[in-house]
């Protein structure tokens, strides 16, 4: 398992675990980040990670991306 921040661009990854407190987990879940879901890193810019999750493009901060394990 590696944090999403270290995933390669354009590569599909399966979300294995979401860390952080319950508030952070709920926030990420609302954005579509759920265990077992597929996430693809589109690009990394200025500390943010833009991903494709459940057919939608979502930008997450580096801090959040470190809590999503793939």
Protein backbone atom coordinates (compact mmCIF):
# COMPACT_ATOMS: atom_id res chain seq x y z
CA UNK A 1 0.00 0.00 0.00
CA UNK A 2 1.17 3.49 -0.84
CA UNK A 3 -0.42 6.91 -0.30
CA UNK A 4 -2.27 8.24 -3.35
CA UNK A 5 0.22 11.12 -3.55
CA UNK A 6 2.87 8.60 -4.73
CA UNK A 7 0.67 6.85 -7.33
CA UNK A 8 1.69 7.21 -10.98
CA UNK A 9 -0.28 9.54 -13.23
CA UNK A 10 -2.68 7.76 -15.56
CA UNK A 11 -2.59 4.50 -13.61
CA UNK A 12 -5.76 2.97 -12.16
CA UNK A 13 -5.51 2.21 -8.46
CA UNK A 14 -7.83 0.44 -6.03
CA UNK A 15 -8.49 2.33 -2.79
CA UNK A 16 -7.40 -0.02 0.01
CA UNK A 17 -7.75 2.18 3.09
CA UNK A 18 -8.71 5.71 4.06
CA UNK A 19 -6.98 7.22 7.08
CA UNK A 20 -7.68 10.24 9.21
CA UNK A 21 -10.40 11.07 11.71
CA UNK A 22 -14.07 10.33 11.12
CA UNK A 23 -14.67 13.85 9.76
CA UNK A 24 -11.94 13.47 7.11
CA UNK A 25 -13.12 9.95 6.21
CA UNK A 26 -16.69 11.20 5.78
CA UNK A 27 -15.53 14.13 3.63
CA UNK A 28 -13.50 11.85 1.35
CA UNK A 29 -16.38 9.35 1.20
CA UNK A 30 -18.70 12.16 0.06
CA UNK A 31 -16.23 12.96 -2.73
CA UNK A 32 -16.38 9.33 -3.89
CA UNK A 33 -13.30 7.89 -2.18
CA UNK A 34 -14.49 4.56 -0.78
CA UNK A 35 -12.55 1.40 0.03
CA UNK A 36 -12.54 -0.86 -3.00
CA UNK A 37 -13.21 2.02 -5.38
CA UNK A 38 -11.05 2.82 -8.41
CA UNK A 39 -9.10 6.08 -8.52
CA UNK A 40 -6.84 7.39 -11.30
CA UNK A 41 -4.35 10.23 -10.78
CA UNK A 42 -4.71 12.71 -13.64
CA UNK A 43 -2.10 15.24 -12.60
CA UNK A 44 -0.21 16.64 -9.62
CA UNK A 45 0.17 20.42 -9.42
CA UNK A 46 1.29 22.79 -6.69
CA UNK A 47 0.70 20.31 -3.89
CA UNK A 48 -2.75 19.30 -5.15
CA UNK A 49 -3.66 16.03 -6.80
CA UNK A 50 -6.35 15.91 -9.48
CA UNK A 51 -7.92 12.47 -9.74
CA UNK A 52 -10.72 10.73 -11.54
CA UNK A 53 -12.96 8.90 -9.09
CA UNK A 54 -16.39 7.46 -9.96
CA UNK A 55 -16.34 9.24 -13.31
CA UNK A 56 -15.74 12.69 -11.82
CA UNK A 57 -12.62 14.83 -11.64
CA UNK A 58 -11.80 15.79 -8.08
CA UNK A 59 -8.93 17.87 -6.69
CA UNK A 60 -7.58 16.91 -3.28
CA UNK A 61 -4.81 18.50 -1.26
CA UNK A 62 -1.52 16.68 -0.77
CA UNK A 63 -2.47 16.23 2.89
CA UNK A 64 -5.72 14.45 1.92
CA UNK A 65 -3.96 12.40 -0.77
CA UNK A 66 -1.57 11.09 1.89
CA UNK A 67 -4.56 9.67 3.83
CA UNK A 68 -5.85 7.65 0.84
CA UNK A 69 -3.97 4.38 0.57
CA UNK A 70 -3.92 2.50 -2.74
